[in-house]
Amino acid sequence: MKPEHDLRRVIIREWMSLPKAKSATSGQAVAFARAAAGRLPGPGRRTAKVMAWVIPRVTTALNSASRMRRELKRRSAAQLASA
């Protein structure tokens, strides 16, 4: 298996092992993705890649992938604007 695939499995397991209270909102998913993205090698959109892995596993009504992507884009744009 590719090293990235193994890392993907580890990150997904970490997300799934979190208590429901810590994995229930899009904000928590974004925070988790940002923290986990640092472990991915190479350049690119690492946070977005981790979000793509976590999105299907979010345990709230915000389970829609399009809502999660919009939320990630909104937060990224806000962060860039404040920098």
PDB file of N, CA and C in Angstrom:
ATOM      1  N   MET A   1       0.824  -1.188   0.000  1.00  0.00           N
ATOM      2  CA  MET A   1       0.000   0.000   0.000  1.00  0.00           C
ATOM      3  C   MET A   1       0.869   1.252   0.000  1.00  0.00           C
ATOM      4  N   LYS A   2       0.312   2.334  -0.551  1.00  0.00           N
ATOM      5  CA  LYS A   2       1.038   3.589  -0.547  1.00  0.00           C
ATOM      6  C   LYS A   2       1.100   4.130   0.875  1.00  0.00           C
ATOM      7  N   PRO A   3       2.185   4.815   1.209  1.00  0.00           N
ATOM      8  CA  PRO A   3       2.299   5.391   2.558  1.00  0.00           C
ATOM      9  C   PRO A   3       1.146   6.339   2.879  1.00  0.00           C
ATOM     10  N   GLU A   4       0.681   7.099   1.867  1.00  0.00           N
ATOM     11  CA  GLU A   4      -0.428   8.015   2.119  1.00  0.00           C
ATOM     12  C   GLU A   4      -1.701   7.261   2.485  1.00  0.00           C
ATOM     13  N   HIS A   5      -1.901   6.102   1.891  1.00  0.00           N
ATOM     14  CA  HIS A   5      -3.091   5.311   2.201  1.00  0.00           C
ATOM     15  C   HIS A   5      -3.063   4.855   3.664  1.00  0.00           C
ATOM     16  N   ASP A   6      -1.908   4.439   4.128  1.00  0.00           N
ATOM     17  CA  ASP A   6      -1.785   4.039   5.534  1.00  0.00           C
ATOM     18  C   ASP A   6      -2.064   5.217   6.455  1.00  0.00           C
ATOM     19  N   LEU A   7      -1.531   6.382   6.109  1.00  0.00           N
ATOM     20  CA  LEU A   7      -1.762   7.577   6.906  1.00  0.00           C
ATOM     21  C   LEU A   7      -3.240   7.956   6.887  1.00  0.00           C
ATOM     22  N   ARG A   8      -3.884   7.803   5.731  1.00  0.00           N
ATOM     23  CA  ARG A   8      -5.315   8.076   5.620  1.00  0.00           C
ATOM     24  C   ARG A   8      -6.104   7.197   6.588  1.00  0.00           C
ATOM     25  N   ARG A   9      -5.767   5.933   6.634  1.00  0.00           N
ATOM     26  CA  ARG A   9      -6.461   5.008   7.535  1.00  0.00           C
ATOM     27  C   ARG A   9      -6.265   5.400   8.994  1.00  0.00           C
ATOM     28  N   VAL A  10      -5.046   5.809   9.345  1.00  0.00           N
ATOM     29  CA  VAL A  10      -4.746   6.219  10.719  1.00  0.00           C
ATOM     30  C   VAL A  10      -5.571   7.454  11.090  1.00  0.00           C
ATOM     31  N   ILE A  11      -5.609   8.431  10.183  1.00  0.00           N
ATOM     32  CA  ILE A  11      -6.340   9.672  10.460  1.00  0.00           C
ATOM     33  C   ILE A  11      -7.830   9.402  10.583  1.00  0.00           C
ATOM     34  N   ILE A  12      -8.381   8.580   9.715  1.00  0.00           N
ATOM     35  CA  ILE A  12      -9.813   8.253   9.800  1.00  0.00           C
ATOM     36  C   ILE A  12     -10.109   7.520  11.103  1.00  0.00           C
ATOM     37  N   ARG A  13      -9.245   6.606  11.493  1.00  0.00           N
ATOM     38  CA  ARG A  13      -9.454   5.900  12.773  1.00  0.00           C
ATOM     39  C   ARG A  13      -9.432   6.858  13.948  1.00  0.00           C
ATOM     40  N   GLU A  14      -8.512   7.840  13.907  1.00  0.00           N
ATOM     41  CA  GLU A  14      -8.467   8.840  14.982  1.00  0.00           C
ATOM     42  C   GLU A  14      -9.779   9.611  15.044  1.00  0.00           C
ATOM     43  N   TRP A  15     -10.301  10.021  13.890  1.00  0.00           N
ATOM     44  CA  TRP A  15     -11.567  10.769  13.859  1.00  0.00           C
ATOM     45  C   TRP A  15     -12.704   9.905  14.416  1.00  0.00           C
ATOM     46  N   MET A  16     -12.744   8.656  13.989  1.00  0.00           N
ATOM     47  CA  MET A  16     -13.820   7.768  14.421  1.00  0.00           C
ATOM     48  C   MET A  16     -13.720   7.439  15.908  1.00  0.00           C
ATOM     49  N   SER A  17     -12.515   7.498  16.477  1.00  0.00           N
ATOM     50  CA  SER A  17     -12.354   7.167  17.890  1.00  0.00           C
ATOM     51  C   SER A  17     -12.690   8.338  18.813  1.00  0.00           C
ATOM     52  N   LEU A  18     -12.861   9.537  18.251  1.00  0.00           N
ATOM     53  CA  LEU A  18     -13.222  10.679  19.086  1.00  0.00           C
ATOM     54  C   LEU A  18     -14.619  10.489  19.659  1.00  0.00           C
ATOM     55  N   PRO A  19     -14.867  11.006  20.866  1.00  0.00           N
ATOM     56  CA  PRO A  19     -16.221  10.950  21.406  1.00  0.00           C
ATOM     57  C   PRO A  19     -17.171  11.752  20.512  1.00  0.00           C
ATOM     58  N   LYS A  20     -18.430  11.373  20.487  1.00  0.00           N
ATOM     59  CA  LYS A  20     -19.427  12.054  19.648  1.00  0.00           C
ATOM     60  C   LYS A  20     -19.447  13.554  19.910  1.00  0.00           C
ATOM     61  N   ALA A  21     -19.235  13.957  21.154  1.00  0.00           N
ATOM     62  CA  ALA A  21     -19.263  15.378  21.497  1.00  0.00           C
ATOM     63  C   ALA A  21     -18.106  16.143  20.850  1.00  0.00           C
ATOM     64  N   LYS A  22     -17.045  15.449  20.483  1.00  0.00           N
ATOM     65  CA  LYS A  22     -15.892  16.116  19.875  1.00  0.00           C
ATOM     66  C   LYS A  22     -15.843  15.929  18.362  1.00  0.00           C
ATOM     67  N   SER A  23     -16.831  15.237  17.807  1.00  0.00           N
ATOM     68  CA  SER A  23     -16.847  15.025  16.360  1.00  0.00           C
ATOM     69  C   SER A  23     -18.237  15.253  15.794  1.00  0.00           C
ATOM     70  N   ALA A  24     -18.916  16.257  16.331  1.00  0.00           N
ATOM     71  CA  ALA A  24     -20.314  16.452  15.971  1.00  0.00           C
ATOM     72  C   ALA A  24     -20.574  17.660  15.085  1.00  0.00           C
ATOM     73  N   THR A  25     -19.621  18.550  14.924  1.00  0.00           N
ATOM     74  CA  THR A  25     -19.893  19.759  14.149  1.00  0.00           C
ATOM     75  C   THR A  25     -18.857  19.952  13.051  1.00  0.00           C
ATOM     76  N   SER A  26     -19.214  20.793  12.110  1.00  0.00           N
ATOM     77  CA  SER A  26     -18.285  21.083  11.022  1.00  0.00           C
ATOM     78  C   SER A  26     -17.050  21.809  11.539  1.00  0.00           C
ATOM     79  N   GLY A  27     -17.223  22.662  12.526  1.00  0.00           N
ATOM     80  CA  GLY A  27     -16.080  23.367  13.107  1.00  0.00           C
ATOM     81  C   GLY A  27     -15.073  22.411  13.724  1.00  0.00           C
ATOM     82  N   GLN A  28     -15.574  21.384  14.384  1.00  0.00           N
ATOM     83  CA  GLN A  28     -14.691  20.383  14.972  1.00  0.00           C
ATOM     84  C   GLN A  28     -13.980  19.583  13.882  1.00  0.00           C
ATOM     85  N   ALA A  29     -14.693  19.315  12.787  1.00  0.00           N
ATOM     86  CA  ALA A  29     -14.081  18.590  11.665  1.00  0.00           C
ATOM     87  C   ALA A  29     -12.970  19.423  11.030  1.00  0.00           C
ATOM     88  N   VAL A  30     -13.214  20.723  10.874  1.00  0.00           N
ATOM     89  CA  VAL A  30     -12.200  21.603  10.287  1.00  0.00           C
ATOM     90  C   VAL A  30     -10.976  21.672  11.202  1.00  0.00           C
ATOM     91  N   ALA A  31     -11.203  21.826  12.498  1.00  0.00           N
ATOM     92  CA  ALA A  31     -10.082  21.888  13.445  1.00  0.00           C
ATOM     93  C   ALA A  31      -9.278  20.591  13.418  1.00  0.00           C
ATOM     94  N   PHE A  32      -9.959  19.462  13.383  1.00  0.00           N
ATOM     95  CA  PHE A  32      -9.282  18.174  13.316  1.00  0.00           C
ATOM     96  C   PHE A  32      -8.484  18.063  12.021  1.00  0.00           C
ATOM     97  N   ALA A  33      -9.089  18.464  10.901  1.00  0.00           N
ATOM     98  CA  ALA A  33      -8.414  18.369   9.607  1.00  0.00           C
ATOM     99  C   ALA A  33      -7.166  19.238   9.573  1.00  0.00           C
ATOM    100  N   ARG A  34      -7.252  20.433  10.130  1.00  0.00           N
ATOM    101  CA  ARG A  34      -6.076  21.307  10.156  1.00  0.00           C
ATOM    102  C   ARG A  34      -4.955  20.687  10.984  1.00  0.00           C
ATOM    103  N   ALA A  35      -5.309  20.094  12.106  1.00  0.00           N
ATOM    104  CA  ALA A  35      -4.292  19.469  12.957  1.00  0.00           C
ATOM    105  C   ALA A  35      -3.681  18.247  12.269  1.00  0.00           C
ATOM    106  N   ALA A  36      -4.515  17.456  11.624  1.00  0.00           N
ATOM    107  CA  ALA A  36      -4.027  16.233  10.978  1.00  0.00           C
ATOM    108  C   ALA A  36      -3.286  16.531   9.679  1.00  0.00           C
ATOM    109  N   ALA A  37      -3.579  17.629   9.029  1.00  0.00           N
ATOM    110  CA  ALA A  37      -2.964  17.953   7.742  1.00  0.00           C
ATOM    111  C   ALA A  37      -1.456  18.118   7.858  1.00  0.00           C
ATOM    112  N   GLY A  38      -0.986  18.499   9.011  1.00  0.00           N
ATOM    113  CA  GLY A  38       0.449  18.660   9.204  1.00  0.00           C
ATOM    114  C   GLY A  38       1.228  17.371   9.048  1.00  0.00           C
ATOM    115  N   ARG A  39       0.565  16.258   9.151  1.00  0.00           N
ATOM    116  CA  ARG A  39       1.246  14.962   9.028  1.00  0.00           C
ATOM    117  C   ARG A  39       1.334  14.476   7.588  1.00  0.00           C
ATOM    118  N   LEU A  40       0.597  15.122   6.674  1.00  0.00           N
ATOM    119  CA  LEU A  40       0.640  14.705   5.278  1.00  0.00           C
ATOM    120  C   LEU A  40       1.896  15.248   4.616  1.00  0.00           C
ATOM    121  N   PRO A  41       2.566  14.431   3.827  1.00  0.00           N
ATOM    122  CA  PRO A  41       3.782  14.902   3.163  1.00  0.00           C
ATOM    123  C   PRO A  41       3.457  15.756   1.941  1.00  0.00           C
ATOM    124  N   GLY A  42       4.394  16.595   1.582  1.00  0.00           N
ATOM    125  CA  GLY A  42       4.308  17.348   0.339  1.00  0.00           C
ATOM    126  C   GLY A  42       3.443  18.585   0.408  1.00  0.00           C
ATOM    127  N   PRO A  43       3.485  19.356  -0.690  1.00  0.00           N
ATOM    128  CA  PRO A  43       2.685  20.578  -0.766  1.00  0.00           C
ATOM    129  C   PRO A  43       1.258  20.259  -1.188  1.00  0.00           C
ATOM    130  N   GLY A  44       0.455  21.281  -1.270  1.00  0.00           N
ATOM    131  CA  GLY A  44      -0.898  21.096  -1.764  1.00  0.00           C
ATOM    132  C   GLY A  44      -1.939  21.400  -0.709  1.00  0.00           C
ATOM    133  N   ARG A  45      -3.157  21.044  -1.032  1.00  0.00           N
ATOM    134  CA  ARG A  45      -4.298  21.341  -0.176  1.00  0.00           C
ATOM    135  C   ARG A  45      -4.503  20.196   0.819  1.00  0.00           C
ATOM    136  N   ARG A  46      -3.623  20.127   1.790  1.00  0.00           N
ATOM    137  CA  ARG A  46      -3.649  19.017   2.730  1.00  0.00           C
ATOM    138  C   ARG A  46      -4.881  19.035   3.615  1.00  0.00           C
ATOM    139  N   THR A  47      -5.305  20.220   4.069  1.00  0.00           N
ATOM    140  CA  THR A  47      -6.496  20.301   4.913  1.00  0.00           C
ATOM    141  C   THR A  47      -7.723  19.837   4.136  1.00  0.00           C
ATOM    142  N   ALA A  48      -7.828  20.255   2.892  1.00  0.00           N
ATOM    143  CA  ALA A  48      -8.966  19.840   2.063  1.00  0.00           C
ATOM    144  C   ALA A  48      -8.961  18.327   1.846  1.00  0.00           C
ATOM    145  N   LYS A  49      -7.777  17.756   1.709  1.00  0.00           N
ATOM    146  CA  LYS A  49      -7.673  16.310   1.514  1.00  0.00           C
ATOM    147  C   LYS A  49      -8.167  15.568   2.755  1.00  0.00           C
ATOM    148  N   VAL A  50      -7.747  16.028   3.933  1.00  0.00           N
ATOM    149  CA  VAL A  50      -8.199  15.391   5.173  1.00  0.00           C
ATOM    150  C   VAL A  50      -9.708  15.599   5.342  1.00  0.00           C
ATOM    151  N   MET A  51     -10.201  16.779   5.002  1.00  0.00           N
ATOM    152  CA  MET A  51     -11.653  17.022   5.090  1.00  0.00           C
ATOM    153  C   MET A  51     -12.410  16.050   4.192  1.00  0.00           C
ATOM    154  N   ALA A  52     -11.870  15.764   3.012  1.00  0.00           N
ATOM    155  CA  ALA A  52     -12.530  14.812   2.115  1.00  0.00           C
ATOM    156  C   ALA A  52     -12.607  13.425   2.744  1.00  0.00           C
ATOM    157  N   TRP A  53     -11.641  13.088   3.574  1.00  0.00           N
ATOM    158  CA  TRP A  53     -11.671  11.794   4.258  1.00  0.00           C
ATOM    159  C   TRP A  53     -12.647  11.808   5.426  1.00  0.00           C
ATOM    160  N   VAL A  54     -12.768  12.961   6.090  1.00  0.00           N
ATOM    161  CA  VAL A  54     -13.571  13.053   7.315  1.00  0.00           C
ATOM    162  C   VAL A  54     -15.050  13.343   7.020  1.00  0.00           C
ATOM    163  N   ILE A  55     -15.322  14.072   5.923  1.00  0.00           N
ATOM    164  CA  ILE A  55     -16.687  14.493   5.613  1.00  0.00           C
ATOM    165  C   ILE A  55     -17.707  13.364   5.710  1.00  0.00           C
ATOM    166  N   PRO A  56     -17.479  12.212   5.100  1.00  0.00           N
ATOM    167  CA  PRO A  56     -18.501  11.163   5.151  1.00  0.00           C
ATOM    168  C   PRO A  56     -18.749  10.616   6.557  1.00  0.00           C
ATOM    169  N   ARG A  57     -17.890  10.965   7.476  1.00  0.00           N
ATOM    170  CA  ARG A  57     -17.982  10.395   8.825  1.00  0.00           C
ATOM    171  C   ARG A  57     -18.448  11.389   9.881  1.00  0.00           C
ATOM    172  N   VAL A  58     -18.810  12.592   9.476  1.00  0.00           N
ATOM    173  CA  VAL A  58     -19.314  13.586  10.428  1.00  0.00           C
ATOM    174  C   VAL A  58     -20.674  13.118  10.928  1.00  0.00           C
ATOM    175  N   THR A  59     -20.897  13.277  12.237  1.00  0.00           N
ATOM    176  CA  THR A  59     -22.074  12.663  12.853  1.00  0.00           C
ATOM    177  C   THR A  59     -23.202  13.645  13.140  1.00  0.00           C
ATOM    178  N   THR A  60     -23.355  14.680  12.298  1.00  0.00           N
ATOM    179  CA  THR A  60     -24.422  15.647  12.527  1.00  0.00           C
ATOM    180  C   THR A  60     -25.280  15.801  11.296  1.00  0.00           C
ATOM    181  N   ALA A  61     -26.233  16.694  11.378  1.00  0.00           N
ATOM    182  CA  ALA A  61     -27.066  17.001  10.225  1.00  0.00           C
ATOM    183  C   ALA A  61     -26.259  17.691   9.134  1.00  0.00           C
ATOM    184  N   LEU A  62     -25.078  18.177   9.461  1.00  0.00           N
ATOM    185  CA  LEU A  62     -24.202  18.809   8.472  1.00  0.00           C
ATOM    186  C   LEU A  62     -23.407  17.773   7.707  1.00  0.00           C
ATOM    187  N   ASN A  63     -23.951  16.604   7.557  1.00  0.00           N
ATOM    188  CA  ASN A  63     -23.257  15.491   6.930  1.00  0.00           C
ATOM    189  C   ASN A  63     -23.123  15.644   5.421  1.00  0.00           C
ATOM    190  N   SER A  64     -23.740  16.635   4.882  1.00  0.00           N
ATOM    191  CA  SER A  64     -23.679  16.846   3.444  1.00  0.00           C
ATOM    192  C   SER A  64     -22.290  17.317   3.029  1.00  0.00           C
ATOM    193  N   ALA A  65     -21.729  16.680   2.049  1.00  0.00           N
ATOM    194  CA  ALA A  65     -20.379  17.033   1.600  1.00  0.00           C
ATOM    195  C   ALA A  65     -20.329  18.460   1.074  1.00  0.00           C
ATOM    196  N   SER A  66     -21.359  18.896   0.392  1.00  0.00           N
ATOM    197  CA  SER A  66     -21.329  20.253  -0.154  1.00  0.00           C
ATOM    198  C   SER A  66     -21.344  21.294   0.964  1.00  0.00           C
ATOM    199  N   ARG A  67     -22.094  21.055   2.022  1.00  0.00           N
ATOM    200  CA  ARG A  67     -22.097  21.991   3.147  1.00  0.00           C
ATOM    201  C   ARG A  67     -20.734  22.040   3.813  1.00  0.00           C
ATOM    202  N   MET A  68     -20.103  20.896   3.949  1.00  0.00           N
ATOM    203  CA  MET A  68     -18.791  20.860   4.579  1.00  0.00           C
ATOM    204  C   MET A  68     -17.758  21.585   3.712  1.00  0.00           C
ATOM    205  N   ARG A  69     -17.844  21.399   2.400  1.00  0.00           N
ATOM    206  CA  ARG A  69     -16.896  22.091   1.524  1.00  0.00           C
ATOM    207  C   ARG A  69     -17.098  23.599   1.590  1.00  0.00           C
ATOM    208  N   ARG A  70     -18.369  24.043   1.588  1.00  0.00           N
ATOM    209  CA  ARG A  70     -18.648  25.481   1.702  1.00  0.00           C
ATOM    210  C   ARG A  70     -18.120  26.028   3.017  1.00  0.00           C
ATOM    211  N   GLU A  71     -18.314  25.276   4.082  1.00  0.00           N
ATOM    212  CA  GLU A  71     -17.833  25.706   5.400  1.00  0.00           C
ATOM    213  C   GLU A  71     -16.306  25.823   5.399  1.00  0.00           C
ATOM    214  N   LEU A  72     -15.629  24.860   4.805  1.00  0.00           N
ATOM    215  CA  LEU A  72     -14.172  24.900   4.738  1.00  0.00           C
ATOM    216  C   LEU A  72     -13.705  26.098   3.913  1.00  0.00           C
ATOM    217  N   LYS A  73     -14.346  26.332   2.763  1.00  0.00           N
ATOM    218  CA  LYS A  73     -13.984  27.479   1.935  1.00  0.00           C
ATOM    219  C   LYS A  73     -14.236  28.788   2.675  1.00  0.00           C
ATOM    220  N   ARG A  74     -15.374  28.881   3.373  1.00  0.00           N
ATOM    221  CA  ARG A  74     -15.702  30.100   4.100  1.00  0.00           C
ATOM    222  C   ARG A  74     -14.672  30.373   5.180  1.00  0.00           C
ATOM    223  N   ARG A  75     -14.313  29.358   5.923  1.00  0.00           N
ATOM    224  CA  ARG A  75     -13.327  29.529   7.003  1.00  0.00           C
ATOM    225  C   ARG A  75     -11.953  29.870   6.434  1.00  0.00           C
ATOM    226  N   SER A  76     -11.590  29.225   5.328  1.00  0.00           N
ATOM    227  CA  SER A  76     -10.293  29.516   4.726  1.00  0.00           C
ATOM    228  C   SER A  76     -10.247  30.954   4.222  1.00  0.00           C
ATOM    229  N   ALA A  77     -11.344  31.409   3.594  1.00  0.00           N
ATOM    230  CA  ALA A  77     -11.398  32.780   3.081  1.00  0.00           C
ATOM    231  C   ALA A  77     -11.345  33.774   4.235  1.00  0.00           C
ATOM    232  N   ALA A  78     -12.049  33.487   5.324  1.00  0.00           N
ATOM    233  CA  ALA A  78     -12.031  34.374   6.480  1.00  0.00           C
ATOM    234  C   ALA A  78     -10.648  34.431   7.093  1.00  0.00           C
ATOM    235  N   GLN A  79      -9.977  33.309   7.125  1.00  0.00           N
ATOM    236  CA  GLN A  79      -8.634  33.266   7.700  1.00  0.00           C
ATOM    237  C   GLN A  79      -7.656  34.059   6.827  1.00  0.00           C
ATOM    238  N   LEU A  80      -7.794  33.935   5.509  1.00  0.00           N
ATOM    239  CA  LEU A  80      -6.937  34.692   4.604  1.00  0.00           C
ATOM    240  C   LEU A  80      -7.204  36.193   4.713  1.00  0.00           C
ATOM    241  N   ALA A  81      -8.469  36.568   4.875  1.00  0.00           N
ATOM    242  CA  ALA A  81      -8.837  37.980   4.963  1.00  0.00           C
ATOM    243  C   ALA A  81      -8.297  38.609   6.234  1.00  0.00           C
ATOM    244  N   SER A  82      -8.219  37.829   7.301  1.00  0.00           N
ATOM    245  CA  SER A  82      -7.750  38.374   8.582  1.00  0.00           C
ATOM    246  C   SER A  82      -6.228  38.406   8.662  1.00  0.00           C
ATOM    247  N   ALA A  83      -5.564  37.746   7.719  1.00  0.00           N
ATOM    248  CA  ALA A  83      -4.079  37.697   7.751  1.00  0.00           C
ATOM    249  C   ALA A  83      -3.459  38.954   7.185  1.00  0.00           C
TER     250      ALA A  83
END
